[in-house]
C-alpha atoms as a PDB file:
ATOM      1  CA  UNK A   1       0.039  -0.198  -0.018  1.00  0.00           C
ATOM      2  CA  UNK A   2       1.390   3.387  -0.734  1.00  0.00           C
ATOM      3  CA  UNK A   3       0.514   6.368   1.607  1.00  0.00           C
ATOM      4  CA  UNK A   4      -1.690   8.882  -0.095  1.00  0.00           C
ATOM      5  CA  UNK A   5      -2.063  11.390   3.000  1.00  0.00           C
ATOM      6  CA  UNK A   6      -1.795  10.949   6.954  1.00  0.00           C
ATOM      7  CA  UNK A   7      -2.324  13.426   9.702  1.00  0.00           C
ATOM      8  CA  UNK A   8      -3.160  12.693  13.426  1.00  0.00           C
ATOM      9  CA  UNK A   9      -6.732  11.474  12.643  1.00  0.00           C
ATOM     10  CA  UNK A  10      -6.631   9.598   9.387  1.00  0.00           C
ATOM     11  CA  UNK A  11      -4.073   7.539   7.305  1.00  0.00           C
ATOM     12  CA  UNK A  12      -5.219   7.225   3.634  1.00  0.00           C
ATOM     13  CA  UNK A  13      -3.279   4.609   1.456  1.00  0.00           C
ATOM     14  CA  UNK A  14      -3.865   2.763  -1.892  1.00  0.00           C
ATOM     15  CA  UNK A  15      -2.830   0.047  -3.987  1.00  0.00           C
ATOM     16  CA  UNK A  16      -3.073   0.895  -7.703  1.00  0.00           C
ATOM     17  CA  UNK A  17      -2.888  -2.645  -8.741  1.00  0.00           C
ATOM     18  CA  UNK A  18      -5.571  -4.123  -6.724  1.00  0.00           C
ATOM     19  CA  UNK A  19      -7.478  -0.680  -7.088  1.00  0.00           C
ATOM     20  CA  UNK A  20      -7.868  -0.773  -3.395  1.00  0.00           C
ATOM     21  CA  UNK A  21      -8.036   2.076  -1.125  1.00  0.00           C
ATOM     22  CA  UNK A  22      -7.855   2.338   2.727  1.00  0.00           C
ATOM     23  CA  UNK A  23      -9.077   4.831   5.367  1.00  0.00           C
ATOM     24  CA  UNK A  24      -7.820   4.454   9.043  1.00  0.00           C
ATOM     25  CA  UNK A  25      -9.200   6.675  11.386  1.00  0.00           C
ATOM     26  CA  UNK A  26      -7.870   7.776  14.800  1.00  0.00           C
ATOM     27  CA  UNK A  27      -9.878   9.902  17.232  1.00  0.00           C
ATOM     28  CA  UNK A  28     -12.919  12.527  16.579  1.00  0.00           C
ATOM     29  CA  UNK A  29     -12.594  14.726  13.536  1.00  0.00           C
ATOM     30  CA  UNK A  30     -14.977  17.611  13.196  1.00  0.00           C
ATOM     31  CA  UNK A  31     -15.780  20.311  11.053  1.00  0.00           C
ATOM     32  CA  UNK A  32     -13.198  21.296   8.551  1.00  0.00           C
ATOM     33  CA  UNK A  33     -10.634  18.506   9.232  1.00  0.00           C
ATOM     34  CA  UNK A  34     -13.563  15.859   8.812  1.00  0.00           C
ATOM     35  CA  UNK A  35     -14.793  17.318   5.704  1.00  0.00           C
ATOM     36  CA  UNK A  36     -11.193  17.721   4.343  1.00  0.00           C
ATOM     37  CA  UNK A  37     -10.598  13.855   5.133  1.00  0.00           C
ATOM     38  CA  UNK A  38     -13.764  12.837   3.209  1.00  0.00           C
ATOM     39  CA  UNK A  39     -12.972  14.956   0.288  1.00  0.00           C
ATOM     40  CA  UNK A  40      -9.356  13.708   0.208  1.00  0.00           C
ATOM     41  CA  UNK A  41     -10.788  10.112   0.272  1.00  0.00           C
ATOM     42  CA  UNK A  42     -13.052  10.922  -2.792  1.00  0.00           C
ATOM     43  CA  UNK A  43      -9.794  12.336  -4.415  1.00  0.00           C
ATOM     44  CA  UNK A  44      -8.128   9.393  -4.023  1.00  0.00           C
ATOM     45  CA  UNK A  45     -11.039   7.292  -5.127  1.00  0.00           C
ATOM     46  CA  UNK A  46     -11.333   9.325  -8.259  1.00  0.00           C
ATOM     47  CA  UNK A  47      -7.571   9.895  -9.149  1.00  0.00           C
ATOM     48  CA  UNK A  48      -6.914   5.851  -9.016  1.00  0.00           C
ATOM     49  CA  UNK A  49     -10.260   4.730 -10.167  1.00  0.00           C
ATOM     50  CA  UNK A  50     -10.377   2.424  -6.985  1.00  0.00           C
ATOM     51  CA  UNK A  51     -13.154  -0.186  -6.960  1.00  0.00           C
ATOM     52  CA  UNK A  52     -12.508  -1.589  -3.445  1.00  0.00           C
ATOM     53  CA  UNK A  53     -12.150   0.185  -0.024  1.00  0.00           C
ATOM     54  CA  UNK A  54     -11.446  -0.735   3.463  1.00  0.00           C
ATOM     55  CA  UNK A  55     -12.681   1.598   6.068  1.00  0.00           C
ATOM     56  CA  UNK A  56     -10.881   0.779   9.565  1.00  0.00           C
ATOM     57  CA  UNK A  57     -13.358   2.807  11.811  1.00  0.00           C
ATOM     58  CA  UNK A  58     -12.363   1.381  14.865  1.00  0.00           C
ATOM     59  CA  UNK A  59     -10.784   4.461  16.691  1.00  0.00           C
ATOM     60  CA  UNK A  60     -13.026   7.054  14.955  1.00  0.00           C
ATOM     61  CA  UNK A  61     -14.640   8.956  17.171  1.00  0.00           C
ATOM     62  CA  UNK A  62     -18.451  10.660  17.244  1.00  0.00           C
ATOM     63  CA  UNK A  63     -19.820  12.553  14.248  1.00  0.00           C
ATOM     64  CA  UNK A  64     -21.443  15.740  15.254  1.00  0.00           C
ATOM     65  CA  UNK A  65     -24.968  16.617  13.815  1.00  0.00           C
ATOM     66  CA  UNK A  66     -23.826  19.222  11.580  1.00  0.00           C
ATOM     67  CA  UNK A  67     -20.844  17.132  10.265  1.00  0.00           C
ATOM     68  CA  UNK A  68     -23.505  14.123   9.749  1.00  0.00           C
ATOM     69  CA  UNK A  69     -25.742  16.628   7.797  1.00  0.00           C
ATOM     70  CA  UNK A  70     -22.823  17.606   5.764  1.00  0.00           C
ATOM     71  CA  UNK A  71     -22.055  13.939   5.095  1.00  0.00           C
ATOM     72  CA  UNK A  72     -25.347  13.270   4.073  1.00  0.00           C
ATOM     73  CA  UNK A  73     -25.502  16.141   1.570  1.00  0.00           C
ATOM     74  CA  UNK A  74     -22.168  15.790  -0.083  1.00  0.00           C
ATOM     75  CA  UNK A  75     -20.088  12.728   1.191  1.00  0.00           C
ATOM     76  CA  UNK A  76     -22.763   9.670   0.690  1.00  0.00           C
ATOM     77  CA  UNK A  77     -23.675  11.102  -2.815  1.00  0.00           C
ATOM     78  CA  UNK A  78     -20.037  11.471  -3.779  1.00  0.00           C
ATOM     79  CA  UNK A  79     -19.573   7.767  -2.752  1.00  0.00           C
ATOM     80  CA  UNK A  80     -22.730   6.701  -4.667  1.00  0.00           C
ATOM     81  CA  UNK A  81     -21.274   8.375  -7.937  1.00  0.00           C
ATOM     82  CA  UNK A  82     -17.579   6.841  -7.430  1.00  0.00           C
ATOM     83  CA  UNK A  83     -15.960   4.137  -8.894  1.00  0.00           C
ATOM     84  CA  UNK A  84     -16.052   1.848  -5.728  1.00  0.00           C
ATOM     85  CA  UNK A  85     -18.075  -1.426  -5.864  1.00  0.00           C
ATOM     86  CA  UNK A  86     -17.301  -3.112  -2.818  1.00  0.00           C
ATOM     87  CA  UNK A  87     -16.548  -1.503   0.873  1.00  0.00           C
ATOM     88  CA  UNK A  88     -15.598  -3.494   3.598  1.00  0.00           C
ATOM     89  CA  UNK A  89     -15.807  -1.617   7.189  1.00  0.00           C
ATOM     90  CA  UNK A  90     -14.657  -2.174  10.364  1.00  0.00           C
ATOM     91  CA  UNK A  91     -16.951  -0.625  12.595  1.00  0.00           C
ATOM     92  CA  UNK A  92     -15.966   2.043  15.456  1.00  0.00           C
ATOM     93  CA  UNK A  93     -15.863   1.008  18.988  1.00  0.00           C
ATOM     94  CA  UNK A  94     -17.819   4.216  19.940  1.00  0.00           C
ATOM     95  CA  UNK A  95     -21.647   3.626  19.671  1.00  0.00           C
ATOM     96  CA  UNK A  96     -22.509   7.302  18.628  1.00  0.00           C
ATOM     97  CA  UNK A  97     -20.109   6.885  15.716  1.00  0.00           C
ATOM     98  CA  UNK A  98     -21.938   3.530  14.844  1.00  0.00           C
ATOM     99  CA  UNK A  99     -25.375   5.404  14.641  1.00  0.00           C
ATOM    100  CA  UNK A 100     -24.030   8.345  12.559  1.00  0.00           C
ATOM    101  CA  UNK A 101     -22.757   5.709   9.930  1.00  0.00           C
ATOM    102  CA  UNK A 102     -25.546   3.866  10.058  1.00  0.00           C
ATOM    103  CA  UNK A 103     -27.727   6.810   9.104  1.00  0.00           C
ATOM    104  CA  UNK A 104     -25.162   7.468   6.229  1.00  0.00           C
ATOM    105  CA  UNK A 105     -25.569   3.882   4.992  1.00  0.00           C
ATOM    106  CA  UNK A 106     -29.457   4.151   5.085  1.00  0.00           C
ATOM    107  CA  UNK A 107     -29.167   7.046   3.024  1.00  0.00           C
ATOM    108  CA  UNK A 108     -27.391   5.146   0.662  1.00  0.00           C
ATOM    109  CA  UNK A 109     -30.392   2.904   0.152  1.00  0.00           C
ATOM    110  CA  UNK A 110     -32.280   5.951  -1.441  1.00  0.00           C
ATOM    111  CA  UNK A 111     -29.353   6.491  -4.007  1.00  0.00           C
ATOM    112  CA  UNK A 112     -28.823   4.369  -7.289  1.00  0.00           C
ATOM    113  CA  UNK A 113     -25.896   2.478  -5.820  1.00  0.00           C
ATOM    114  CA  UNK A 114     -23.879  -0.379  -7.261  1.00  0.00           C
ATOM    115  CA  UNK A 115     -21.931  -0.750  -4.053  1.00  0.00           C
ATOM    116  CA  UNK A 116     -21.768  -3.652  -1.837  1.00  0.00           C
ATOM    117  CA  UNK A 117     -21.170  -2.823   1.905  1.00  0.00           C
ATOM    118  CA  UNK A 118     -19.974  -5.483   4.578  1.00  0.00           C
ATOM    119  CA  UNK A 119     -18.989  -5.002   7.978  1.00  0.00           C
ATOM    120  CA  UNK A 120     -16.189  -7.071   9.527  1.00  0.00           C
ATOM    121  CA  UNK A 121     -14.369  -7.730  13.197  1.00  0.00           C
ATOM    122  CA  UNK A 122     -10.961  -7.866  11.698  1.00  0.00           C
ATOM    123  CA  UNK A 123      -8.799  -6.521   8.775  1.00  0.00           C
ATOM    124  CA  UNK A 124      -7.699 -10.191   7.766  1.00  0.00           C
ATOM    125  CA  UNK A 125     -11.371 -11.138   7.012  1.00  0.00           C
ATOM    126  CA  UNK A 126     -12.361  -7.679   5.400  1.00  0.00           C
ATOM    127  CA  UNK A 127      -9.334  -7.883   2.995  1.00  0.00           C
ATOM    128  CA  UNK A 128     -10.023 -11.523   1.881  1.00  0.00           C
ATOM    129  CA  UNK A 129     -13.654 -10.448   1.161  1.00  0.00           C
ATOM    130  CA  UNK A 130     -12.425  -7.377  -0.948  1.00  0.00           C
ATOM    131  CA  UNK A 131     -10.113  -9.282  -2.895  1.00  0.00           C
ATOM    132  CA  UNK A 132     -12.568 -12.086  -3.689  1.00  0.00           C
ATOM    133  CA  UNK A 133     -13.704 -11.813  -7.400  1.00  0.00           C
ATOM    134  CA  UNK A 134     -16.929  -9.818  -7.612  1.00  0.00           C
ATOM    135  CA  UNK A 135     -19.893  -9.748  -9.332  1.00  0.00           C
ATOM    136  CA  UNK A 136     -21.774  -6.739  -8.498  1.00  0.00           C
ATOM    137  CA  UNK A 137     -25.467  -6.665  -8.645  1.00  0.00           C
ATOM    138  CA  UNK A 138     -27.428  -3.394  -9.858  1.00  0.00           C
ATOM    139  CA  UNK A 139     -28.463  -2.533  -6.530  1.00  0.00           C
ATOM    140  CA  UNK A 140     -26.291  -1.952  -3.082  1.00  0.00           C
ATOM    141  CA  UNK A 141     -26.187  -4.682  -0.717  1.00  0.00           C
ATOM    142  CA  UNK A 142     -25.813  -3.397   2.918  1.00  0.00           C
ATOM    143  CA  UNK A 143     -24.830  -5.962   5.814  1.00  0.00           C
END
């Protein structure tokens, strides 16, 4: 994996050959920092035409109501339009984050997605699923 961006809150990396991106979150981002991190994710996805994504949210803190609204208005629709076809998530250990991300996933149900999303307890299982040969259905599958 090649490092794309890193700060105290997030590390973004990618593998061009596998068309795989990864976001590892650390702590609570809010306002401009969270929005910049999400926009950098989109930039990396678009720049390298990534089709697989690993979101390691284990250490990601809560998302404020204002940031959730922005995410629903901007982040989720951009993910829906992206080249991603499969996303593996390792959910946050923080319930408030789990609830906010759940709202974002539910918003995805209302969009025309061809993105499968599945949650995992560890990175090894998530990577195995991401790298399996894929047959994408015309509608999203949220697990």
